[in-house]
Amino acid sequence: VLEVSLGDFVMTGGELAAQAMIDATVRLLPGVLGNAE
């Protein structure tokens, strides 16, 4: 398993961190952003 941190702080659980990382990733998928630039 690859361990990944959202930052140098501790949270109660990984759910919020997961949503933040997914958001940052999904917006890079083709067709998600209206303006590719």
Full PDB file with SEQRES, HELIX, SHEET, SSBOND, CRYST1, ORIGX, SCALE, CONECT and MASTER records, all heavy atoms in Angstrom:
SEQRES   1 A   37  VAL LEU GLU VAL SER LEU GLY ASP PHE VAL MET THR GLY          
SEQRES   2 A   37  GLY GLU LEU ALA ALA GLN ALA MET ILE ASP ALA THR VAL          
SEQRES   3 A   37  ARG LEU LEU PRO GLY VAL LEU GLY ASN ALA GLU                  
HELIX    1 AA1 GLU A   15  VAL A   26  1                                  12    
CRYST1    1.000    1.000    1.000  90.00  90.00  90.00 P 1           1          
ORIGX1      1.000000  0.000000  0.000000        0.00000                         
ORIGX2      0.000000  1.000000  0.000000        0.00000                         
ORIGX3      0.000000  0.000000  1.000000        0.00000                         
SCALE1      1.000000  0.000000  0.000000        0.00000                         
SCALE2      0.000000  1.000000  0.000000        0.00000                         
SCALE3      0.000000  0.000000  1.000000        0.00000                         
ATOM      1  N   VAL A   1       0.834  -1.197   0.000  1.00  0.00           N  
ATOM      2  CA  VAL A   1       0.000   0.000   0.000  1.00  0.00           C  
ATOM      3  C   VAL A   1       0.871   1.251   0.000  1.00  0.00           C  
ATOM      4  O   VAL A   1       1.866   1.343   0.727  1.00  0.00           O  
ATOM      5  CB  VAL A   1      -0.936   0.007   1.229  1.00  0.00           C  
ATOM      6  CG1 VAL A   1      -1.777   1.273   1.259  1.00  0.00           C  
ATOM      7  CG2 VAL A   1      -1.818  -1.234   1.235  1.00  0.00           C  
ATOM      8  N   LEU A   2       0.496   2.226  -0.813  1.00  0.00           N  
ATOM      9  CA  LEU A   2       1.181   3.517  -0.860  1.00  0.00           C  
ATOM     10  C   LEU A   2       0.557   4.442   0.179  1.00  0.00           C  
ATOM     11  O   LEU A   2      -0.642   4.713   0.133  1.00  0.00           O  
ATOM     12  CB  LEU A   2       1.052   4.139  -2.251  1.00  0.00           C  
ATOM     13  CG  LEU A   2       1.578   5.573  -2.412  1.00  0.00           C  
ATOM     14  CD1 LEU A   2       3.080   5.630  -2.192  1.00  0.00           C  
ATOM     15  CD2 LEU A   2       1.202   6.118  -3.793  1.00  0.00           C  
ATOM     16  N   GLU A   3       1.348   4.907   1.125  1.00  0.00           N  
ATOM     17  CA  GLU A   3       0.852   5.841   2.133  1.00  0.00           C  
ATOM     18  C   GLU A   3       0.981   7.266   1.603  1.00  0.00           C  
ATOM     19  O   GLU A   3       2.041   7.676   1.132  1.00  0.00           O  
ATOM     20  CB  GLU A   3       1.623   5.692   3.439  1.00  0.00           C  
ATOM     21  CG  GLU A   3       1.419   4.339   4.115  1.00  0.00           C  
ATOM     22  CD  GLU A   3       2.094   4.259   5.465  1.00  0.00           C  
ATOM     23  OE1 GLU A   3       1.658   4.971   6.389  1.00  0.00           O  
ATOM     24  OE2 GLU A   3       3.071   3.497   5.585  1.00  0.00           O  
ATOM     25  N   VAL A   4      -0.116   8.019   1.694  1.00  0.00           N  
ATOM     26  CA  VAL A   4      -0.153   9.389   1.171  1.00  0.00           C  
ATOM     27  C   VAL A   4      -0.725  10.308   2.236  1.00  0.00           C  
ATOM     28  O   VAL A   4      -1.714   9.978   2.896  1.00  0.00           O  
ATOM     29  CB  VAL A   4      -1.005   9.473  -0.111  1.00  0.00           C  
ATOM     30  CG1 VAL A   4      -1.029  10.907  -0.638  1.00  0.00           C  
ATOM     31  CG2 VAL A   4      -0.467   8.532  -1.177  1.00  0.00           C  
ATOM     32  N   SER A   5      -0.125  11.473   2.390  1.00  0.00           N  
ATOM     33  CA  SER A   5      -0.552  12.457   3.377  1.00  0.00           C  
ATOM     34  C   SER A   5      -1.067  13.714   2.690  1.00  0.00           C  
ATOM     35  O   SER A   5      -0.499  14.171   1.696  1.00  0.00           O  
ATOM     36  CB  SER A   5       0.618  12.831   4.296  1.00  0.00           C  
ATOM     37  OG  SER A   5       0.286  13.933   5.120  1.00  0.00           O  
ATOM     38  N   LEU A   6      -2.137  14.276   3.219  1.00  0.00           N  
ATOM     39  CA  LEU A   6      -2.648  15.536   2.699  1.00  0.00           C  
ATOM     40  C   LEU A   6      -1.802  16.706   3.174  1.00  0.00           C  
ATOM     41  O   LEU A   6      -1.755  17.752   2.523  1.00  0.00           O  
ATOM     42  CB  LEU A   6      -4.113  15.731   3.129  1.00  0.00           C  
ATOM     43  CG  LEU A   6      -4.872  16.903   2.528  1.00  0.00           C  
ATOM     44  CD1 LEU A   6      -4.943  16.788   1.005  1.00  0.00           C  
ATOM     45  CD2 LEU A   6      -6.268  16.994   3.111  1.00  0.00           C  
ATOM     46  N   GLY A   7      -1.127  16.548   4.289  1.00  0.00           N  
ATOM     47  CA  GLY A   7      -0.284  17.616   4.821  1.00  0.00           C  
ATOM     48  C   GLY A   7       0.242  17.255   6.186  1.00  0.00           C  
ATOM     49  O   GLY A   7      -0.061  16.184   6.731  1.00  0.00           O  
ATOM     50  N   ASP A   8       1.015  18.155   6.753  1.00  0.00           N  
ATOM     51  CA  ASP A   8       1.662  17.890   8.038  1.00  0.00           C  
ATOM     52  C   ASP A   8       0.744  18.236   9.204  1.00  0.00           C  
ATOM     53  O   ASP A   8       0.988  19.165   9.988  1.00  0.00           O  
ATOM     54  CB  ASP A   8       2.976  18.676   8.140  1.00  0.00           C  
ATOM     55  CG  ASP A   8       3.999  18.209   7.126  1.00  0.00           C  
ATOM     56  OD1 ASP A   8       3.872  17.079   6.635  1.00  0.00           O  
ATOM     57  OD2 ASP A   8       4.926  18.985   6.823  1.00  0.00           O  
ATOM     58  N   PHE A   9      -0.338  17.491   9.309  1.00  0.00           N  
ATOM     59  CA  PHE A   9      -1.280  17.638  10.412  1.00  0.00           C  
ATOM     60  C   PHE A   9      -2.040  16.329  10.543  1.00  0.00           C  
ATOM     61  O   PHE A   9      -1.992  15.483   9.650  1.00  0.00           O  
ATOM     62  CB  PHE A   9      -2.251  18.805  10.170  1.00  0.00           C  
ATOM     63  CG  PHE A   9      -2.902  18.783   8.815  1.00  0.00           C  
ATOM     64  CD1 PHE A   9      -4.062  18.066   8.589  1.00  0.00           C  
ATOM     65  CD2 PHE A   9      -2.341  19.478   7.751  1.00  0.00           C  
ATOM     66  CE1 PHE A   9      -4.665  18.042   7.344  1.00  0.00           C  
ATOM     67  CE2 PHE A   9      -2.931  19.465   6.503  1.00  0.00           C  
ATOM     68  CZ  PHE A   9      -4.092  18.741   6.291  1.00  0.00           C  
ATOM     69  N   VAL A  10      -2.737  16.151  11.649  1.00  0.00           N  
ATOM     70  CA  VAL A  10      -3.448  14.904  11.920  1.00  0.00           C  
ATOM     71  C   VAL A  10      -4.947  15.175  11.908  1.00  0.00           C  
ATOM     72  O   VAL A  10      -5.422  16.137  12.522  1.00  0.00           O  
ATOM     73  CB  VAL A  10      -3.029  14.307  13.280  1.00  0.00           C  
ATOM     74  CG1 VAL A  10      -3.812  13.018  13.562  1.00  0.00           C  
ATOM     75  CG2 VAL A  10      -1.535  14.031  13.287  1.00  0.00           C  
ATOM     76  N   MET A  11      -5.697  14.324  11.205  1.00  0.00           N  
ATOM     77  CA  MET A  11      -7.148  14.438  11.146  1.00  0.00           C  
ATOM     78  C   MET A  11      -7.788  13.248  11.853  1.00  0.00           C  
ATOM     79  O   MET A  11      -7.120  12.246  12.128  1.00  0.00           O  
ATOM     80  CB  MET A  11      -7.613  14.499   9.686  1.00  0.00           C  
ATOM     81  CG  MET A  11      -6.998  15.652   8.908  1.00  0.00           C  
ATOM     82  SD  MET A  11      -7.479  15.684   7.166  1.00  0.00           S  
ATOM     83  CE  MET A  11      -9.193  16.203   7.325  1.00  0.00           C  
ATOM     84  N   THR A  12      -9.079  13.346  12.123  1.00  0.00           N  
ATOM     85  CA  THR A  12      -9.788  12.277  12.814  1.00  0.00           C  
ATOM     86  C   THR A  12      -9.867  11.017  11.967  1.00  0.00           C  
ATOM     87  O   THR A  12      -9.855   9.903  12.481  1.00  0.00           O  
ATOM     88  CB  THR A  12     -11.207  12.750  13.196  1.00  0.00           C  
ATOM     89  OG1 THR A  12     -11.094  13.960  13.942  1.00  0.00           O  
ATOM     90  CG2 THR A  12     -11.919  11.704  14.043  1.00  0.00           C  
ATOM     91  N   GLY A  13      -9.982  11.187  10.682  1.00  0.00           N  
ATOM     92  CA  GLY A  13     -10.062  10.048   9.766  1.00  0.00           C  
ATOM     93  C   GLY A  13      -9.668  10.477   8.369  1.00  0.00           C  
ATOM     94  O   GLY A  13      -9.396  11.655   8.110  1.00  0.00           O  
ATOM     95  N   GLY A  14      -9.660   9.531   7.449  1.00  0.00           N  
ATOM     96  CA  GLY A  14      -9.167   9.812   6.108  1.00  0.00           C  
ATOM     97  C   GLY A  14     -10.209  10.287   5.112  1.00  0.00           C  
ATOM     98  O   GLY A  14      -9.873  10.578   3.964  1.00  0.00           O  
ATOM     99  N   GLU A  15     -11.471  10.382   5.523  1.00  0.00           N  
ATOM    100  CA  GLU A  15     -12.538  10.680   4.562  1.00  0.00           C  
ATOM    101  C   GLU A  15     -12.392  12.059   3.923  1.00  0.00           C  
ATOM    102  O   GLU A  15     -12.538  12.208   2.698  1.00  0.00           O  
ATOM    103  CB  GLU A  15     -13.909  10.549   5.238  1.00  0.00           C  
ATOM    104  CG  GLU A  15     -14.349   9.125   5.498  1.00  0.00           C  
ATOM    105  CD  GLU A  15     -13.648   8.473   6.682  1.00  0.00           C  
ATOM    106  OE1 GLU A  15     -13.034   9.223   7.504  1.00  0.00           O  
ATOM    107  OE2 GLU A  15     -13.704   7.226   6.807  1.00  0.00           O  
ATOM    108  N   LEU A  16     -12.133  13.083   4.719  1.00  0.00           N  
ATOM    109  CA  LEU A  16     -11.983  14.430   4.161  1.00  0.00           C  
ATOM    110  C   LEU A  16     -10.751  14.518   3.265  1.00  0.00           C  
ATOM    111  O   LEU A  16     -10.778  15.160   2.211  1.00  0.00           O  
ATOM    112  CB  LEU A  16     -11.899  15.463   5.284  1.00  0.00           C  
ATOM    113  CG  LEU A  16     -13.196  15.735   6.041  1.00  0.00           C  
ATOM    114  CD1 LEU A  16     -12.945  16.687   7.206  1.00  0.00           C  
ATOM    115  CD2 LEU A  16     -14.250  16.325   5.115  1.00  0.00           C  
ATOM    116  N   ALA A  17      -9.673  13.865   3.689  1.00  0.00           N  
ATOM    117  CA  ALA A  17      -8.460  13.852   2.874  1.00  0.00           C  
ATOM    118  C   ALA A  17      -8.710  13.150   1.545  1.00  0.00           C  
ATOM    119  O   ALA A  17      -8.257  13.590   0.488  1.00  0.00           O  
ATOM    120  CB  ALA A  17      -7.322  13.166   3.631  1.00  0.00           C  
ATOM    121  N   ALA A  18      -9.470  12.055   1.586  1.00  0.00           N  
ATOM    122  CA  ALA A  18      -9.788  11.318   0.362  1.00  0.00           C  
ATOM    123  C   ALA A  18     -10.575  12.197  -0.604  1.00  0.00           C  
ATOM    124  O   ALA A  18     -10.294  12.222  -1.807  1.00  0.00           O  
ATOM    125  CB  ALA A  18     -10.582  10.061   0.701  1.00  0.00           C  
ATOM    126  N   GLN A  19     -11.552  12.935  -0.085  1.00  0.00           N  
ATOM    127  CA  GLN A  19     -12.349  13.799  -0.950  1.00  0.00           C  
ATOM    128  C   GLN A  19     -11.495  14.897  -1.571  1.00  0.00           C  
ATOM    129  O   GLN A  19     -11.664  15.237  -2.748  1.00  0.00           O  
ATOM    130  CB  GLN A  19     -13.520  14.398  -0.174  1.00  0.00           C  
ATOM    131  CG  GLN A  19     -14.572  13.365   0.201  1.00  0.00           C  
ATOM    132  CD  GLN A  19     -15.855  13.986   0.727  1.00  0.00           C  
ATOM    133  OE1 GLN A  19     -16.185  15.118   0.419  1.00  0.00           O  
ATOM    134  NE2 GLN A  19     -16.592  13.229   1.526  1.00  0.00           N  
ATOM    135  N   ALA A  20     -10.582  15.460  -0.792  1.00  0.00           N  
ATOM    136  CA  ALA A  20      -9.712  16.508  -1.324  1.00  0.00           C  
ATOM    137  C   ALA A  20      -8.826  15.968  -2.446  1.00  0.00           C  
ATOM    138  O   ALA A  20      -8.668  16.605  -3.497  1.00  0.00           O  
ATOM    139  CB  ALA A  20      -8.848  17.088  -0.199  1.00  0.00           C  
ATOM    140  N   MET A  21      -8.250  14.789  -2.239  1.00  0.00           N  
ATOM    141  CA  MET A  21      -7.365  14.214  -3.253  1.00  0.00           C  
ATOM    142  C   MET A  21      -8.132  13.807  -4.508  1.00  0.00           C  
ATOM    143  O   MET A  21      -7.641  13.979  -5.629  1.00  0.00           O  
ATOM    144  CB  MET A  21      -6.625  13.014  -2.667  1.00  0.00           C  
ATOM    145  CG  MET A  21      -5.638  13.380  -1.576  1.00  0.00           C  
ATOM    146  SD  MET A  21      -4.761  11.921  -0.938  1.00  0.00           S  
ATOM    147  CE  MET A  21      -4.034  12.611   0.553  1.00  0.00           C  
ATOM    148  N   ILE A  22      -9.334  13.265  -4.324  1.00  0.00           N  
ATOM    149  CA  ILE A  22     -10.146  12.890  -5.477  1.00  0.00           C  
ATOM    150  C   ILE A  22     -10.525  14.127  -6.273  1.00  0.00           C  
ATOM    151  O   ILE A  22     -10.478  14.130  -7.510  1.00  0.00           O  
ATOM    152  CB  ILE A  22     -11.399  12.121  -5.026  1.00  0.00           C  
ATOM    153  CG1 ILE A  22     -11.004  10.753  -4.450  1.00  0.00           C  
ATOM    154  CG2 ILE A  22     -12.365  11.930  -6.195  1.00  0.00           C  
ATOM    155  CD1 ILE A  22     -12.158  10.022  -3.788  1.00  0.00           C  
ATOM    156  N   ASP A  23     -10.906  15.190  -5.588  1.00  0.00           N  
ATOM    157  CA  ASP A  23     -11.265  16.433  -6.267  1.00  0.00           C  
ATOM    158  C   ASP A  23     -10.105  16.938  -7.121  1.00  0.00           C  
ATOM    159  O   ASP A  23     -10.287  17.302  -8.285  1.00  0.00           O  
ATOM    160  CB  ASP A  23     -11.660  17.496  -5.239  1.00  0.00           C  
ATOM    161  CG  ASP A  23     -12.070  18.803  -5.888  1.00  0.00           C  
ATOM    162  OD1 ASP A  23     -11.184  19.626  -6.172  1.00  0.00           O  
ATOM    163  OD2 ASP A  23     -13.271  19.002  -6.114  1.00  0.00           O  
ATOM    164  N   ALA A  24      -8.906  16.965  -6.538  1.00  0.00           N  
ATOM    165  CA  ALA A  24      -7.736  17.447  -7.266  1.00  0.00           C  
ATOM    166  C   ALA A  24      -7.409  16.563  -8.464  1.00  0.00           C  
ATOM    167  O   ALA A  24      -6.886  17.049  -9.476  1.00  0.00           O  
ATOM    168  CB  ALA A  24      -6.525  17.504  -6.324  1.00  0.00           C  
ATOM    169  N   THR A  25      -7.742  15.274  -8.369  1.00  0.00           N  
ATOM    170  CA  THR A  25      -7.442  14.333  -9.446  1.00  0.00           C  
ATOM    171  C   THR A  25      -8.502  14.365 -10.539  1.00  0.00           C  
ATOM    172  O   THR A  25      -8.193  14.437 -11.725  1.00  0.00           O  
ATOM    173  CB  THR A  25      -7.329  12.905  -8.877  1.00  0.00           C  
ATOM    174  OG1 THR A  25      -6.289  12.866  -7.896  1.00  0.00           O  
ATOM    175  CG2 THR A  25      -7.015  11.905  -9.976  1.00  0.00           C  
ATOM    176  N   VAL A  26      -9.768  14.339 -10.145  1.00  0.00           N  
ATOM    177  CA  VAL A  26     -10.862  14.254 -11.111  1.00  0.00           C  
ATOM    178  C   VAL A  26     -10.882  15.457 -12.044  1.00  0.00           C  
ATOM    179  O   VAL A  26     -11.176  15.328 -13.243  1.00  0.00           O  
ATOM    180  CB  VAL A  26     -12.210  14.112 -10.370  1.00  0.00           C  
ATOM    181  CG1 VAL A  26     -13.378  14.404 -11.291  1.00  0.00           C  
ATOM    182  CG2 VAL A  26     -12.333  12.710  -9.785  1.00  0.00           C  
ATOM    183  N   ARG A  27     -10.565  16.631 -11.533  1.00  0.00           N  
ATOM    184  CA  ARG A  27     -10.618  17.829 -12.374  1.00  0.00           C  
ATOM    185  C   ARG A  27      -9.564  17.796 -13.487  1.00  0.00           C  
ATOM    186  O   ARG A  27      -9.632  18.597 -14.419  1.00  0.00           O  
ATOM    187  CB  ARG A  27     -10.466  19.084 -11.527  1.00  0.00           C  
ATOM    188  CG  ARG A  27      -9.183  19.195 -10.769  1.00  0.00           C  
ATOM    189  CD  ARG A  27      -9.286  20.183  -9.610  1.00  0.00           C  
ATOM    190  NE  ARG A  27      -9.884  21.445 -10.020  1.00  0.00           N  
ATOM    191  CZ  ARG A  27      -9.224  22.412 -10.639  1.00  0.00           C  
ATOM    192  NH1 ARG A  27      -7.951  22.231 -10.937  1.00  0.00           N  
ATOM    193  NH2 ARG A  27      -9.818  23.541 -10.969  1.00  0.00           N  
ATOM    194  N   LEU A  28      -8.618  16.852 -13.405  1.00  0.00           N  
ATOM    195  CA  LEU A  28      -7.605  16.702 -14.452  1.00  0.00           C  
ATOM    196  C   LEU A  28      -8.021  15.689 -15.510  1.00  0.00           C  
ATOM    197  O   LEU A  28      -7.339  15.539 -16.524  1.00  0.00           O  
ATOM    198  CB  LEU A  28      -6.270  16.261 -13.835  1.00  0.00           C  
ATOM    199  CG  LEU A  28      -5.649  17.226 -12.821  1.00  0.00           C  
ATOM    200  CD1 LEU A  28      -4.376  16.623 -12.233  1.00  0.00           C  
ATOM    201  CD2 LEU A  28      -5.368  18.577 -13.447  1.00  0.00           C  
ATOM    202  N   LEU A  29      -9.140  14.984 -15.276  1.00  0.00           N  
ATOM    203  CA  LEU A  29      -9.603  14.000 -16.252  1.00  0.00           C  
ATOM    204  C   LEU A  29     -10.165  14.712 -17.484  1.00  0.00           C  
ATOM    205  O   LEU A  29     -10.715  15.810 -17.378  1.00  0.00           O  
ATOM    206  CB  LEU A  29     -10.684  13.112 -15.633  1.00  0.00           C  
ATOM    207  CG  LEU A  29     -10.263  12.265 -14.429  1.00  0.00           C  
ATOM    208  CD1 LEU A  29     -11.477  11.517 -13.879  1.00  0.00           C  
ATOM    209  CD2 LEU A  29      -9.162  11.289 -14.803  1.00  0.00           C  
ATOM    210  N   PRO A  30     -10.045  14.101 -18.661  1.00  0.00           N  
ATOM    211  CA  PRO A  30     -10.538  14.722 -19.891  1.00  0.00           C  
ATOM    212  C   PRO A  30     -12.023  15.065 -19.813  1.00  0.00           C  
ATOM    213  O   PRO A  30     -12.838  14.248 -19.389  1.00  0.00           O  
ATOM    214  CB  PRO A  30     -10.292  13.635 -20.953  1.00  0.00           C  
ATOM    215  CG  PRO A  30      -9.178  12.806 -20.406  1.00  0.00           C  
ATOM    216  CD  PRO A  30      -9.391  12.798 -18.918  1.00  0.00           C  
ATOM    217  N   GLY A  31     -12.341  16.298 -20.186  1.00  0.00           N  
ATOM    218  CA  GLY A  31     -13.725  16.716 -20.277  1.00  0.00           C  
ATOM    219  C   GLY A  31     -14.360  17.197 -18.999  1.00  0.00           C  
ATOM    220  O   GLY A  31     -15.524  17.618 -19.001  1.00  0.00           O  
ATOM    221  N   VAL A  32     -13.644  17.158 -17.865  1.00  0.00           N  
ATOM    222  CA  VAL A  32     -14.242  17.574 -16.592  1.00  0.00           C  
ATOM    223  C   VAL A  32     -14.272  19.091 -16.470  1.00  0.00           C  
ATOM    224  O   VAL A  32     -15.296  19.683 -16.106  1.00  0.00           O  
ATOM    225  CB  VAL A  32     -13.498  16.946 -15.400  1.00  0.00           C  
ATOM    226  CG1 VAL A  32     -14.013  17.513 -14.080  1.00  0.00           C  
ATOM    227  CG2 VAL A  32     -13.660  15.432 -15.421  1.00  0.00           C  
ATOM    228  N   LEU A  33     -13.159  19.738 -16.771  1.00  0.00           N  
ATOM    229  CA  LEU A  33     -13.122  21.197 -16.758  1.00  0.00           C  
ATOM    230  C   LEU A  33     -13.667  21.737 -18.067  1.00  0.00           C  
ATOM    231  O   LEU A  33     -13.333  21.243 -19.142  1.00  0.00           O  
ATOM    232  CB  LEU A  33     -11.688  21.703 -16.547  1.00  0.00           C  
ATOM    233  CG  LEU A  33     -11.080  21.506 -15.160  1.00  0.00           C  
ATOM    234  CD1 LEU A  33      -9.689  22.125 -15.114  1.00  0.00           C  
ATOM    235  CD2 LEU A  33     -11.956  22.135 -14.087  1.00  0.00           C  
ATOM    236  N   GLY A  34     -14.466  22.781 -17.991  1.00  0.00           N  
ATOM    237  CA  GLY A  34     -15.024  23.360 -19.198  1.00  0.00           C  
ATOM    238  C   GLY A  34     -13.957  23.975 -20.088  1.00  0.00           C  
ATOM    239  O   GLY A  34     -14.026  23.903 -21.305  1.00  0.00           O  
ATOM    240  N   ASN A  35     -12.938  24.576 -19.486  1.00  0.00           N  
ATOM    241  CA  ASN A  35     -11.859  25.210 -20.236  1.00  0.00           C  
ATOM    242  C   ASN A  35     -10.568  24.473 -19.919  1.00  0.00           C  
ATOM    243  O   ASN A  35     -10.061  24.540 -18.804  1.00  0.00           O  
ATOM    244  CB  ASN A  35     -11.738  26.687 -19.843  1.00  0.00           C  
ATOM    245  CG  ASN A  35     -10.673  27.418 -20.645  1.00  0.00           C  
ATOM    246  OD1 ASN A  35      -9.945  26.808 -21.428  1.00  0.00           O  
ATOM    247  ND2 ASN A  35     -10.580  28.717 -20.435  1.00  0.00           N  
ATOM    248  N   ALA A  36     -10.034  23.767 -20.895  1.00  0.00           N  
ATOM    249  CA  ALA A  36      -8.832  22.953 -20.674  1.00  0.00           C  
ATOM    250  C   ALA A  36      -7.645  23.802 -20.248  1.00  0.00           C  
ATOM    251  O   ALA A  36      -6.747  23.328 -19.552  1.00  0.00           O  
ATOM    252  CB  ALA A  36      -8.486  22.182 -21.943  1.00  0.00           C  
ATOM    253  N   GLU A  37      -7.635  25.088 -20.640  1.00  0.00           N  
ATOM    254  CA  GLU A  37      -6.513  25.950 -20.285  1.00  0.00           C  
ATOM    255  C   GLU A  37      -6.490  26.249 -18.796  1.00  0.00           C  
ATOM    256  O   GLU A  37      -5.450  26.609 -18.247  1.00  0.00           O  
ATOM    257  CB  GLU A  37      -6.587  27.259 -21.069  1.00  0.00           C  
ATOM    258  CG  GLU A  37      -6.340  27.093 -22.568  1.00  0.00           C  
ATOM    259  CD  GLU A  37      -6.370  28.425 -23.288  1.00  0.00           C  
ATOM    260  OE1 GLU A  37      -6.572  29.462 -22.607  1.00  0.00           O  
ATOM    261  OE2 GLU A  37      -6.182  28.439 -24.509  1.00  0.00           O  
TER     262      GLU A  37                                                      
MASTER        0    0    0    1    0    0    0    6  261    1    0    3          
END                                                                             
